[in-house]
Protein backbone atom coordinates (compact mmCIF):
# COMPACT_ATOMS: atom_id res chain seq x y z
CA MET A 1 -18.49 -56.34 -136.86
CA PHE A 2 -20.92 -57.54 -134.23
CA GLY A 3 -19.43 -60.02 -131.79
CA THR A 4 -15.79 -59.10 -132.36
CA SER A 5 -15.23 -55.47 -131.51
CA MET A 6 -18.18 -54.15 -129.47
CA GLY A 7 -17.99 -55.89 -126.12
CA ARG A 8 -20.50 -54.75 -123.51
CA LEU A 9 -22.00 -51.50 -124.79
CA LEU A 10 -23.61 -49.68 -121.90
CA ALA A 11 -24.35 -50.04 -118.25
CA PRO A 12 -28.16 -50.24 -117.83
CA THR A 13 -28.41 -46.94 -116.00
CA LEU A 14 -26.39 -45.18 -118.67
CA LEU A 15 -28.54 -46.62 -121.44
CA LEU A 16 -31.68 -45.47 -119.60
CA ALA A 17 -30.23 -41.98 -119.33
CA LEU A 18 -29.52 -41.95 -123.05
CA LEU A 19 -33.06 -43.03 -123.90
CA LEU A 20 -34.44 -40.31 -121.66
CA LEU A 21 -32.36 -37.80 -123.60
CA ALA A 22 -34.23 -38.91 -126.72
CA LEU A 23 -37.63 -38.19 -125.13
CA PRO A 24 -38.00 -34.43 -124.46
CA ALA A 25 -40.30 -33.36 -121.69
CA ALA A 26 -41.67 -30.23 -123.35
CA ALA A 27 -41.03 -29.89 -127.06
CA ALA A 28 -43.24 -30.14 -130.13
CA ASP A 29 -42.60 -33.18 -132.28
CA LEU A 30 -41.66 -33.10 -135.95
CA PRO A 31 -44.80 -32.62 -138.10
CA PRO A 32 -45.96 -35.43 -140.40
CA LEU A 33 -44.66 -35.59 -143.95
CA PRO A 34 -47.52 -35.46 -146.50
CA PRO A 35 -48.10 -38.96 -147.92
CA GLU A 36 -47.52 -37.71 -151.47
CA ASP A 37 -43.97 -36.70 -150.46
CA HIS A 38 -43.02 -40.12 -149.11
CA ALA A 39 -41.89 -41.42 -152.52
CA GLN A 40 -38.82 -39.18 -152.60
CA TRP A 41 -37.70 -40.33 -149.13
CA GLN A 42 -37.98 -44.11 -149.45
CA ALA A 43 -34.32 -44.54 -148.52
CA ILE A 44 -35.30 -43.54 -144.96
CA GLY A 45 -36.92 -46.29 -142.95
CA ARG A 46 -37.45 -47.95 -139.60
CA VAL A 47 -34.77 -50.00 -137.88
CA ASN A 48 -36.97 -52.44 -135.97
CA THR A 49 -35.74 -54.45 -132.99
CA LYS A 50 -37.40 -57.42 -131.37
CA GLY A 51 -36.72 -59.62 -128.40
CA TYR A 52 -38.37 -61.43 -125.51
CA ASN A 53 -41.42 -59.38 -124.52
CA ARG A 54 -39.90 -56.28 -126.13
CA ARG A 55 -40.04 -54.34 -129.38
CA GLY A 56 -38.43 -51.10 -130.34
CA MET A 57 -37.43 -48.91 -133.25
CA CYS A 58 -35.01 -46.29 -134.46
CA SER A 59 -34.75 -44.50 -137.78
CA GLY A 60 -32.12 -45.28 -140.38
CA THR A 61 -31.08 -44.38 -143.92
CA LEU A 62 -29.97 -46.49 -146.85
CA VAL A 63 -26.54 -45.16 -147.91
CA ALA A 64 -25.73 -48.06 -150.24
CA PRO A 65 -28.04 -50.78 -151.62
CA ASP A 66 -27.17 -53.04 -148.67
CA LEU A 67 -25.95 -50.58 -146.01
CA VAL A 68 -28.02 -48.60 -143.50
CA LEU A 69 -26.71 -45.69 -141.44
CA THR A 70 -28.11 -45.30 -137.93
CA ALA A 71 -26.99 -44.46 -134.36
CA ALA A 72 -24.72 -46.78 -132.38
CA HIS A 73 -27.00 -46.70 -129.35
CA CYS A 74 -29.81 -48.15 -131.52
CA VAL A 75 -28.04 -51.53 -131.52
CA ALA A 76 -27.74 -51.68 -127.71
CA GLY A 77 -30.16 -53.92 -125.82
CA ALA A 78 -32.05 -53.07 -122.63
CA GLU A 79 -29.19 -54.34 -120.48
CA GLY A 80 -26.52 -52.57 -122.47
CA ASP A 81 -25.37 -55.64 -124.39
CA PRO A 82 -25.08 -55.57 -128.19
CA LEU A 83 -28.19 -56.81 -129.97
CA ARG A 84 -27.81 -59.91 -132.09
CA PRO A 85 -28.16 -59.03 -135.80
CA GLU A 86 -31.12 -61.40 -136.24
CA ARG A 87 -33.11 -59.14 -133.89
CA LEU A 88 -32.77 -56.23 -136.31
CA HIS A 89 -34.77 -55.55 -139.47
CA PHE A 90 -34.80 -52.54 -141.79
CA VAL A 91 -38.01 -51.45 -143.56
CA ALA A 92 -37.45 -48.74 -146.17
CA GLY A 93 -40.17 -46.16 -146.80
CA TRP A 94 -42.55 -47.52 -144.18
CA LEU A 95 -45.98 -45.86 -144.45
CA GLY A 96 -48.81 -47.35 -142.45
CA GLY A 97 -48.27 -50.93 -143.63
CA ASP A 98 -46.87 -50.10 -147.07
CA PHE A 99 -43.12 -50.01 -147.71
CA ALA A 100 -40.60 -49.71 -150.53
CA ASP A 101 -38.47 -52.74 -149.57
CA HIS A 102 -37.11 -54.50 -146.51
CA ALA A 103 -34.36 -56.84 -145.34
CA ALA A 104 -33.00 -58.51 -142.26
CA VAL A 105 -29.72 -57.26 -140.84
CA ALA A 106 -26.88 -59.72 -141.45
CA SER A 107 -24.26 -57.90 -139.36
CA TYR A 108 -23.35 -54.45 -138.18
CA GLU A 109 -20.40 -52.32 -137.15
CA VAL A 110 -20.30 -49.40 -134.73
CA HIS A 111 -17.85 -46.53 -134.85
CA PRO A 112 -14.61 -47.67 -133.18
CA GLN A 113 -14.78 -44.67 -130.84
CA ALA A 114 -18.49 -44.95 -130.02
CA TYR A 115 -17.87 -46.67 -126.68
CA SER A 116 -15.15 -46.30 -124.10
CA GLY A 117 -15.54 -49.13 -121.63
CA HIS A 118 -19.23 -49.14 -120.74
CA ARG A 119 -19.79 -45.49 -121.59
CA ILE A 120 -21.02 -44.05 -124.87
CA ASP A 121 -19.11 -41.26 -126.57
CA ILE A 122 -21.95 -39.32 -128.14
CA GLU A 123 -19.55 -37.63 -130.53
CA HIS A 124 -19.18 -40.96 -132.37
CA ASP A 125 -22.72 -42.35 -132.03
CA LEU A 126 -22.72 -43.98 -135.48
CA ALA A 127 -23.42 -47.51 -136.72
CA LEU A 128 -23.56 -49.13 -140.14
CA LEU A 129 -25.91 -52.07 -140.69
CA SER A 130 -25.15 -54.64 -143.41
CA LEU A 131 -28.38 -56.03 -144.87
CA ALA A 132 -28.92 -59.65 -145.85
CA HIS A 133 -29.51 -58.53 -149.46
CA PRO A 134 -29.49 -55.28 -151.46
CA LEU A 135 -32.72 -53.27 -151.62
CA GLU A 136 -34.46 -51.98 -154.73
CA VAL A 137 -34.35 -48.43 -153.36
CA THR A 138 -32.10 -45.54 -154.38
CA PRO A 139 -29.79 -44.64 -151.45
CA LEU A 140 -29.23 -41.10 -150.24
CA THR A 141 -25.81 -39.52 -150.70
CA LEU A 142 -23.45 -38.01 -148.14
CA GLY A 143 -22.69 -34.31 -148.03
CA ASP A 144 -19.66 -32.32 -146.97
CA ALA A 145 -20.78 -28.90 -145.73
CA PRO A 146 -22.97 -28.79 -142.57
CA ALA A 147 -24.66 -25.45 -143.28
CA PRO A 148 -28.25 -24.43 -142.42
CA PRO A 149 -31.06 -24.78 -143.16
CA PHE A 150 -31.03 -28.42 -142.09
CA ALA A 151 -33.66 -31.12 -142.59
CA VAL A 152 -34.48 -33.76 -139.99
CA ILE A 153 -36.54 -36.75 -141.16
CA GLY A 154 -37.55 -39.94 -139.36
CA TYR A 155 -40.08 -41.90 -137.33
CA HIS A 156 -40.94 -41.28 -133.69
CA ASP A 157 -43.05 -42.73 -130.90
CA LEU A 158 -46.05 -40.43 -131.44
CA ARG A 159 -46.20 -41.21 -135.17
CA PRO A 160 -44.41 -44.55 -135.70
CA ASN A 161 -46.06 -45.44 -139.01
CA ARG A 162 -45.41 -42.27 -140.96
CA LEU A 163 -42.38 -40.13 -141.66
CA SER A 164 -42.15 -36.80 -139.86
CA ALA A 165 -39.89 -34.01 -141.03
CA ARG A 166 -38.71 -30.42 -140.79
CA PHE A 167 -36.75 -28.71 -143.58
CA ASP A 168 -36.06 -25.38 -141.89
CA CYS A 169 -33.92 -26.29 -138.88
CA GLY A 170 -31.30 -23.89 -137.66
CA GLY A 171 -28.08 -25.15 -136.17
CA ALA A 172 -24.31 -25.01 -136.00
CA LEU A 173 -21.36 -27.14 -135.00
CA ASP A 174 -20.74 -27.19 -131.26
CA HIS A 175 -17.33 -28.79 -130.76
CA ALA A 176 -17.68 -32.18 -132.50
CA LEU A 177 -21.50 -32.23 -132.52
CA LEU A 178 -24.17 -30.49 -134.56
CA ARG A 179 -26.65 -28.66 -132.33
CA LEU A 180 -30.06 -28.23 -134.00
CA SER A 181 -33.07 -26.04 -133.22
CA CYS A 182 -35.62 -28.66 -134.35
CA PRO A 183 -37.03 -31.03 -131.71
CA VAL A 184 -36.89 -34.80 -132.01
CA ARG A 185 -38.43 -37.66 -130.04
CA HIS A 186 -37.71 -41.25 -129.14
CA GLY A 187 -37.55 -43.16 -132.43
CA ASN A 188 -35.91 -40.29 -134.34
CA SER A 189 -32.53 -41.56 -133.12
CA GLY A 190 -30.43 -42.77 -136.03
CA GLY A 191 -32.38 -40.71 -138.56
CA PRO A 192 -30.60 -38.45 -141.05
CA VAL A 193 -29.82 -34.77 -140.78
CA LEU A 194 -29.51 -33.30 -144.26
CA THR A 195 -28.49 -30.10 -145.96
CA GLN A 196 -29.16 -28.99 -149.53
CA THR A 197 -26.46 -28.37 -152.12
CA ASP A 198 -27.21 -27.81 -155.81
CA GLY A 199 -30.84 -28.64 -155.12
CA ILE A 200 -30.07 -32.07 -153.65
CA TRP A 201 -30.55 -33.00 -150.00
CA ARG A 202 -27.50 -34.89 -148.71
CA ILE A 203 -26.80 -36.55 -145.35
CA ILE A 204 -24.40 -34.64 -143.13
CA GLY A 205 -25.28 -36.12 -139.74
CA VAL A 206 -27.23 -38.63 -137.65
CA VAL A 207 -29.71 -37.77 -134.87
CA SER A 208 -28.37 -38.89 -131.50
CA ALA A 209 -30.16 -37.18 -128.58
CA THR A 210 -32.16 -34.17 -127.43
CA ASN A 211 -33.37 -32.25 -124.41
CA ALA A 212 -36.24 -29.80 -124.12
CA GLN A 213 -34.33 -27.05 -125.95
CA THR A 214 -32.09 -28.49 -128.67
CA SER A 215 -31.26 -31.70 -130.52
CA LEU A 216 -27.82 -33.18 -131.08
CA ALA A 217 -26.54 -34.90 -134.21
CA VAL A 218 -23.25 -36.62 -135.00
CA PRO A 219 -21.64 -35.40 -138.24
CA VAL A 220 -20.68 -38.10 -140.74
CA ASP A 221 -16.93 -38.68 -140.71
CA ARG A 222 -14.07 -40.44 -142.47
CA TRP A 223 -14.83 -43.75 -140.75
CA LEU A 224 -18.21 -43.85 -142.47
CA ARG A 225 -17.02 -42.60 -145.85
CA ASP A 226 -14.28 -45.22 -145.98
CA ARG A 227 -16.90 -47.96 -145.63
CA LEU A 228 -18.95 -46.94 -148.64
CA PRO A 229 -18.10 -48.36 -152.07
CA HIS A 230 -16.01 -45.77 -153.91
CA GLY A 231 -17.14 -44.57 -157.31
CA ALA A 232 -20.76 -45.69 -156.92
CA LEU A 233 -23.55 -43.42 -158.19
CA TYR A 234 -24.85 -42.84 -154.67
CA THR A 235 -21.54 -41.56 -153.26
CA PRO A 236 -20.61 -37.87 -153.60
């Protein structure tokens, strides 16, 4: 949990480089999701951060009533130090001032292999936020087979108050990462990558970074699965 296992997350220059990766120089952004479709994606929301003279956001997904999946680099401050939990807030289904539910973050845990010293290991760029109370929103479930077409859904800097999405992304595993054809922008970090099985979209990865050509996502792994309550309706 925060304060016991993270240490100093990133050197400032490395964090800046990571943020630049999440802001492509020449790529179209994800198109807006029609407002009438927002209701089925209320488990996806904004992970808001605040601090002295600074605000920021990532995307995140409710994977249990009180647990939010996002990227590990989303809980790193401007100087590379871990953010205090009280600076984090999750708003589910945010749509221009309306939302499904919200809660402060009580604590969080990053993947034990996310950081080596002061350097991020992008192959394990995962974090799990524990909310101060459960939300009245149905979580999304995890999937097992990362097969295209993929969906990418989240909020970004050009459209921070409305979900944007693509449901036709190509992609394949590239070593330990999932390389996607759909572009993402700053703010999409931490958002879900999904694939459809039996007519249900399930989470198989988390958006981590991009360049002008492709986007990179971290597949969900055993570390994450072991932290979800077993036997619950929202687990596969």
